[in-house]
Amino acid sequence: MSENKKLLVVIDPGHTGNTYNAGAVKGYYESKAVYDLSLYEKTALEKRGIDVILTRERNQDPGLYERGQMAVKKGNGYANVLFESNHTDAFNGKACGVTVVRSAHLPGSEKLAEKMIDAIVKVMKPSTGITYNRGVVTKTQSNGADWYGVIRGAVSGAASQGQAKNGPVRYDYIVEHGFHDNPKECLFLSKQEDLKAIAEAKAAAIAEYFGIGNKSQPANQSGQSSQNNRNNNSHQANQNTSTDSTTLNKKTAYLVRVSVDDLNIRQAPTIHSKAVGFTGKGVFTITEEATGIVNAAGEKSQWGKLKSGQGWICLDYAEKVA
């Protein structure tokens, strides 16, 4: 197979136009920044002999599902198809870091997602001082389909791994390149040379993963490689967890209300632990409390363990229900 048929990358610059989602720094808009980033990334990938398609022109606004479907429609004949929707995040002005949301039905895509996050963090952190790896997460609807329209479109609405395998896309992401309402990260993202550096780092990570330009091969999407990755994640969570934990008995367990869609659930009560999903909005039962690290500066606050057993949430972002 020729080098350029080994991989197709379909890049979706999130949103549309030049003035959508203002940031903490005057003149920053998410829609413009991620479009510029996507152009730089396209150039960096093509320089490495990789085929690239953008889902839109600067002022076009395709539907979310339609954007993902472009990867499906253009992917025939390629050994690998990667879809990524480029974004910057926002929350409370203090949150920071890089997150990748992947399709829940393509578990073999996690290793590349982690590699991309690490590449972005390596570029941003020396300047911001705060950017870190927030993890790879998934979010699904009640029927099992992926929550986000662009991700859902790239796997044609699949609600299971078996259904997802019917399409050509094997890597399906939303990439959040830091938080534009955080002044330090927004300042970095406001500079064209820094966007170029992110694009170059991502392109290098992608090319290395797929063995393009060298003799290495893509990571195995199952078996021992995946098992080692899970073991490493578990080890990292254990190594980075330093908490004072007090178990609550059933009588003193309490309810909290979460009012945001994307509060991370983590394996252990610290931001250094692996993110395993989102809560979504709603009321949740907390059965245990612990003190753990809540930001890149190493500050600590209270965490709560969910009754479901799925993991821990930072209680700074939840309100106790009377």
Protein backbone atom coordinates (compact mmCIF):
# COMPACT_ATOMS: atom_id res chain seq x y z
CA MET A 1 0.00 0.00 0.00
CA SER A 2 1.34 3.46 -0.86
CA GLU A 3 2.27 5.76 2.03
CA ASN A 4 -0.50 8.26 1.34
CA LYS A 5 -3.20 5.54 1.41
CA LYS A 6 -2.06 4.39 4.83
CA LEU A 7 -3.89 7.19 6.62
CA LEU A 8 -6.60 9.77 6.01
CA VAL A 9 -7.01 12.52 8.62
CA VAL A 10 -10.29 14.43 8.57
CA ILE A 11 -9.98 17.62 10.62
CA ASP A 12 -13.07 19.46 11.79
CA PRO A 13 -12.41 23.07 12.86
CA GLY A 14 -15.09 23.51 15.52
CA HIS A 15 -17.93 26.05 15.14
CA THR A 16 -17.84 28.61 12.29
CA GLY A 17 -16.69 32.11 11.37
CA ASN A 18 -14.23 34.34 13.21
CA THR A 19 -16.16 35.59 16.24
CA TYR A 20 -17.67 32.58 18.05
CA ASN A 21 -16.80 32.03 21.73
CA ALA A 22 -14.72 34.93 22.98
CA GLY A 23 -11.84 34.13 25.31
CA ALA A 24 -10.24 35.69 28.37
CA VAL A 25 -7.78 37.60 26.18
CA LYS A 26 -9.19 40.42 24.06
CA GLY A 27 -9.41 39.44 20.41
CA TYR A 28 -9.43 35.69 21.00
CA TYR A 29 -12.31 33.71 19.51
CA GLU A 30 -12.43 29.94 19.59
CA SER A 31 -13.82 29.60 16.06
CA LYS A 32 -10.97 31.61 14.50
CA ALA A 33 -8.23 30.01 16.58
CA VAL A 34 -9.26 26.42 15.87
CA TYR A 35 -9.68 27.14 12.16
CA ASP A 36 -6.17 28.60 12.02
CA LEU A 37 -4.87 25.65 14.05
CA SER A 38 -6.56 23.21 11.68
CA LEU A 39 -4.95 24.84 8.64
CA TYR A 40 -1.53 24.64 10.27
CA GLU A 41 -2.12 21.02 11.21
CA LYS A 42 -3.25 20.17 7.68
CA THR A 43 -0.03 21.64 6.29
CA ALA A 44 2.11 19.81 8.86
CA LEU A 45 0.46 16.46 8.10
CA GLU A 46 0.59 16.89 4.32
CA LYS A 47 4.30 17.70 4.64
CA ARG A 48 4.63 14.17 6.02
CA GLY A 49 2.78 12.62 3.07
CA ILE A 50 -0.54 12.19 4.87
CA ASP A 51 -3.86 12.88 3.14
CA VAL A 52 -5.96 15.51 4.94
CA ILE A 53 -9.50 16.86 4.49
CA LEU A 54 -11.08 19.79 6.34
CA THR A 55 -14.81 19.55 7.06
CA ARG A 56 -15.47 23.21 6.30
CA GLU A 57 -14.21 26.51 4.95
CA ARG A 58 -13.85 29.39 7.41
CA ASN A 59 -17.41 30.68 7.15
CA GLN A 60 -19.17 27.41 6.42
CA ASP A 61 -21.21 25.70 9.16
CA PRO A 62 -22.05 22.06 8.35
CA GLY A 63 -24.22 20.13 10.79
CA LEU A 64 -22.40 18.30 13.57
CA TYR A 65 -23.36 14.80 12.43
CA GLU A 66 -22.55 15.77 8.84
CA ARG A 67 -19.02 16.77 9.84
CA GLY A 68 -18.34 13.34 11.28
CA GLN A 69 -19.93 11.65 8.28
CA MET A 70 -17.37 13.26 5.98
CA ALA A 71 -14.77 10.89 7.44
CA VAL A 72 -17.04 7.93 6.69
CA LYS A 73 -17.75 9.00 3.12
CA LYS A 74 -14.13 9.83 2.25
CA GLY A 75 -12.47 6.97 4.13
CA ASN A 76 -12.93 4.05 1.76
CA GLY A 77 -9.63 2.67 0.49
CA TYR A 78 -7.56 3.86 3.46
CA ALA A 79 -5.97 1.51 5.96
CA ASN A 80 -6.70 3.99 8.77
CA VAL A 81 -9.10 6.92 9.09
CA LEU A 82 -8.72 9.50 11.86
CA PHE A 83 -11.44 12.06 12.58
CA GLU A 84 -10.69 14.90 14.99
CA SER A 85 -12.75 17.97 15.86
CA ASN A 86 -10.53 20.81 17.10
CA HIS A 87 -11.80 22.97 19.96
CA THR A 88 -10.78 24.99 23.01
CA ASP A 89 -12.66 24.52 26.26
CA ALA A 90 -14.34 26.80 28.83
CA PHE A 91 -15.63 26.32 32.34
CA ASN A 92 -15.02 28.68 35.27
CA GLY A 93 -11.97 30.72 34.30
CA LYS A 94 -9.69 28.59 36.47
CA ALA A 95 -9.87 25.14 34.86
CA CYS A 96 -6.95 24.28 32.58
CA GLY A 97 -5.46 21.44 30.60
CA VAL A 98 -6.00 19.29 27.51
CA THR A 99 -8.77 16.72 27.10
CA VAL A 100 -9.67 14.29 24.33
CA VAL A 101 -13.19 12.92 24.07
CA ARG A 102 -13.19 9.70 22.05
CA SER A 103 -15.92 7.46 20.70
CA ALA A 104 -16.98 5.01 23.38
CA HIS A 105 -17.10 2.32 20.70
CA LEU A 106 -13.48 2.58 19.53
CA PRO A 107 -11.52 1.58 22.66
CA GLY A 108 -8.40 0.89 20.62
CA SER A 109 -8.13 4.60 19.87
CA GLU A 110 -7.13 5.59 23.41
CA LYS A 111 -3.37 5.23 23.03
CA LEU A 112 -3.16 7.68 20.12
CA ALA A 113 -5.40 10.12 22.00
CA GLU A 114 -3.03 10.03 24.98
CA LYS A 115 -0.08 10.55 22.66
CA MET A 116 -1.74 13.63 21.14
CA ILE A 117 -2.56 15.09 24.56
CA ASP A 118 1.02 14.62 25.73
CA ALA A 119 2.32 16.33 22.58
CA ILE A 120 0.05 19.35 23.11
CA VAL A 121 0.87 19.63 26.82
CA LYS A 122 4.59 19.49 26.06
CA VAL A 123 4.20 22.55 23.82
CA MET A 124 1.89 24.57 26.07
CA LYS A 125 3.09 23.95 29.62
CA PRO A 126 6.52 25.67 29.41
CA SER A 127 4.70 28.93 28.63
CA THR A 128 1.49 28.60 30.63
CA GLY A 129 2.93 26.81 33.64
CA ILE A 130 -0.44 25.14 34.26
CA THR A 131 -1.42 23.00 31.28
CA TYR A 132 -1.69 19.29 32.04
CA ASN A 133 -3.15 16.04 30.72
CA ARG A 134 -6.82 15.93 31.77
CA GLY A 135 -7.26 12.51 30.22
CA VAL A 136 -9.20 10.67 27.53
CA VAL A 137 -12.91 10.40 28.26
CA THR A 138 -16.13 9.12 26.70
CA LYS A 139 -19.74 10.24 26.98
CA THR A 140 -22.81 8.37 25.73
CA GLN A 141 -26.55 8.78 25.43
CA SER A 142 -29.04 6.49 27.15
CA ASN A 143 -29.20 4.28 24.03
CA GLY A 144 -25.44 3.77 24.04
CA ALA A 145 -24.65 6.06 21.11
CA ASP A 146 -21.95 8.70 21.55
CA TRP A 147 -23.18 11.95 23.10
CA TYR A 148 -21.51 14.45 20.76
CA GLY A 149 -22.85 14.79 17.23
CA VAL A 150 -19.49 14.99 15.48
CA ILE A 151 -18.22 11.84 17.18
CA ARG A 152 -21.52 10.08 16.58
CA GLY A 153 -21.41 11.00 12.90
CA ALA A 154 -17.94 9.55 12.38
CA VAL A 155 -19.17 6.13 13.52
CA SER A 156 -22.55 6.51 11.77
CA GLY A 157 -24.50 6.58 15.02
CA ALA A 158 -23.06 3.29 16.31
CA ALA A 159 -24.28 2.20 19.73
CA SER A 160 -21.83 -0.71 20.12
CA GLN A 161 -18.30 -1.71 19.19
CA GLY A 162 -19.67 -4.18 16.69
CA GLN A 163 -21.61 -1.48 14.86
CA ALA A 164 -18.63 0.89 14.88
CA LYS A 165 -16.45 -1.74 13.19
CA ASN A 166 -18.70 -1.58 10.12
CA GLY A 167 -17.31 1.84 9.18
CA PRO A 168 -13.82 2.98 8.11
CA VAL A 169 -13.12 5.34 11.05
CA ARG A 170 -10.96 3.85 13.80
CA TYR A 171 -9.97 7.06 15.60
CA ASP A 172 -12.77 9.49 16.46
CA TYR A 173 -12.04 12.47 18.72
CA ILE A 174 -12.92 15.90 20.00
CA VAL A 175 -9.65 17.56 21.05
CA GLU A 176 -9.91 20.37 23.62
CA HIS A 177 -6.64 22.36 23.41
CA GLY A 178 -6.78 24.06 26.81
CA PHE A 179 -9.34 26.54 28.17
CA HIS A 180 -9.95 29.85 26.43
CA ASP A 181 -11.56 31.34 29.55
CA ASN A 182 -8.32 30.73 31.47
CA PRO A 183 -6.13 33.83 30.89
CA LYS A 184 -2.82 31.94 30.83
CA GLU A 185 -3.92 29.32 28.33
CA CYS A 186 -5.88 31.81 26.26
CA LEU A 187 -2.83 34.06 25.94
CA PHE A 188 -0.85 31.14 24.54
CA LEU A 189 -3.63 30.15 22.15
CA SER A 190 -3.90 33.75 20.91
CA LYS A 191 -0.49 33.62 19.22
CA GLN A 192 -0.17 32.24 15.71
CA GLU A 193 3.33 30.91 16.31
CA ASP A 194 2.03 28.92 19.27
CA LEU A 195 -0.84 27.47 17.24
CA LYS A 196 1.74 26.42 14.63
CA ALA A 197 3.80 24.74 17.34
CA ILE A 198 0.77 22.77 18.56
CA ALA A 199 -0.07 21.75 14.99
CA GLU A 200 3.48 20.58 14.33
CA ALA A 201 3.58 18.58 17.57
CA LYS A 202 0.26 16.88 16.83
CA ALA A 203 1.30 16.03 13.28
CA ALA A 204 4.57 14.54 14.50
CA ALA A 205 2.74 12.45 17.11
CA ILE A 206 0.24 11.15 14.56
CA ALA A 207 2.92 10.30 11.99
CA GLU A 208 5.02 8.53 14.61
CA TYR A 209 2.05 6.50 15.87
CA PHE A 210 1.23 5.22 12.38
CA GLY A 211 4.86 4.63 11.47
CA ILE A 212 4.74 7.09 8.59
CA GLY A 213 8.21 8.18 7.62
CA ASN A 214 9.87 5.39 9.65
CA LYS A 215 9.68 1.62 10.17
CA SER A 216 7.57 1.64 13.34
CA GLN A 217 4.02 0.34 13.21
CA PRO A 218 0.74 1.58 14.73
CA ALA A 219 0.12 0.48 18.28
CA ASN A 220 -1.82 -2.77 18.61
CA GLN A 221 -5.45 -1.92 19.33
CA SER A 222 -5.97 -5.05 21.43
CA GLY A 223 -4.13 -7.67 23.42
CA GLN A 224 -0.90 -7.05 25.31
CA SER A 225 -0.39 -3.43 24.23
CA SER A 226 -3.81 -2.42 25.49
CA GLN A 227 -3.29 -4.38 28.71
CA ASN A 228 0.03 -2.63 29.34
CA ASN A 229 -1.63 0.74 28.76
CA ARG A 230 -4.33 -0.08 31.33
CA ASN A 231 -1.70 -1.25 33.80
CA ASN A 232 0.34 1.93 33.31
CA ASN A 233 -2.74 4.10 33.82
CA SER A 234 -3.58 2.22 37.01
CA HIS A 235 -0.01 2.53 38.27
CA GLN A 236 0.03 6.27 37.52
CA ALA A 237 -3.21 6.78 39.38
CA ASN A 238 -1.82 4.96 42.41
CA GLN A 239 1.49 6.82 42.31
CA ASN A 240 -0.12 10.26 42.11
CA THR A 241 -2.83 9.75 44.71
CA SER A 242 -2.13 11.36 48.08
CA THR A 243 -5.29 11.80 50.15
CA ASP A 244 -6.72 11.78 53.64
CA SER A 245 -9.85 9.68 53.27
CA THR A 246 -12.76 9.36 55.68
CA THR A 247 -15.41 6.77 54.88
CA LEU A 248 -18.98 7.84 55.64
CA ASN A 249 -21.50 5.33 56.90
CA LYS A 250 -24.79 4.88 55.07
CA LYS A 251 -26.69 7.21 57.43
CA THR A 252 -24.41 10.15 56.78
CA ALA A 253 -24.13 9.72 53.00
CA TYR A 254 -25.55 12.75 51.23
CA LEU A 255 -26.76 14.11 47.90
CA VAL A 256 -25.07 16.70 45.70
CA ARG A 257 -26.36 18.52 42.62
CA VAL A 258 -24.11 18.91 39.58
CA SER A 259 -25.17 21.71 37.20
CA VAL A 260 -22.59 21.22 34.42
CA ASP A 261 -22.47 18.65 31.62
CA ASP A 262 -18.79 17.79 31.79
CA LEU A 263 -17.67 17.33 35.39
CA ASN A 264 -14.91 14.71 35.20
CA ILE A 265 -15.23 11.43 37.10
CA ARG A 266 -11.79 10.14 38.10
CA GLN A 267 -10.52 6.78 39.31
CA ALA A 268 -9.03 8.36 42.45
CA PRO A 269 -9.56 11.69 44.27
CA THR A 270 -6.93 13.77 42.45
CA ILE A 271 -6.67 15.47 39.05
CA HIS A 272 -3.64 13.28 38.37
CA SER A 273 -5.85 10.20 38.28
CA LYS A 274 -7.32 8.86 35.04
CA ALA A 275 -10.62 10.42 33.95
CA VAL A 276 -13.22 7.71 33.32
CA GLY A 277 -16.21 9.78 32.19
CA PHE A 278 -18.52 12.71 32.95
CA THR A 279 -21.37 13.01 35.42
CA GLY A 280 -23.71 15.09 33.29
CA LYS A 281 -26.23 17.28 35.09
CA GLY A 282 -28.19 15.75 37.97
CA VAL A 283 -28.28 14.71 41.62
CA PHE A 284 -25.78 12.13 42.87
CA THR A 285 -25.15 10.29 46.14
CA ILE A 286 -21.76 10.72 47.79
CA THR A 287 -20.66 7.84 50.04
CA GLU A 288 -17.10 8.84 50.90
CA GLU A 289 -15.01 12.00 51.10
CA ALA A 290 -11.30 12.54 50.55
CA THR A 291 -8.87 15.44 50.27
CA GLY A 292 -6.95 15.53 47.01
CA ILE A 293 -5.21 17.73 44.45
CA VAL A 294 -7.63 19.85 42.37
CA ASN A 295 -5.40 21.97 40.11
CA ALA A 296 -1.99 22.15 38.47
CA ALA A 297 -0.66 24.31 41.31
CA GLY A 298 -1.07 21.36 43.68
CA GLU A 299 -3.83 22.91 45.78
CA LYS A 300 -6.12 20.46 47.57
CA SER A 301 -9.84 20.36 48.21
CA GLN A 302 -12.63 17.87 48.89
CA TRP A 303 -13.59 15.02 46.59
CA GLY A 304 -16.63 12.78 46.80
CA LYS A 305 -16.98 9.12 45.83
CA LEU A 306 -20.08 8.33 43.77
CA LYS A 307 -22.45 5.69 45.11
CA SER A 308 -22.45 4.08 41.65
CA GLY A 309 -18.83 3.11 42.22
CA GLN A 310 -17.75 4.73 38.96
CA GLY A 311 -15.25 7.02 40.66
CA TRP A 312 -14.69 10.40 42.33
CA ILE A 313 -15.79 13.97 41.58
CA CYS A 314 -14.38 17.26 42.84
CA LEU A 315 -16.94 18.70 45.26
CA ASP A 316 -15.91 22.27 44.39
CA TYR A 317 -18.19 21.87 41.36
CA ALA A 318 -21.15 20.31 43.18
CA GLU A 319 -23.73 21.75 45.57
CA LYS A 320 -24.91 19.82 48.60
CA VAL A 321 -28.65 19.14 48.54
CA ALA A 322 -30.33 20.05 51.84
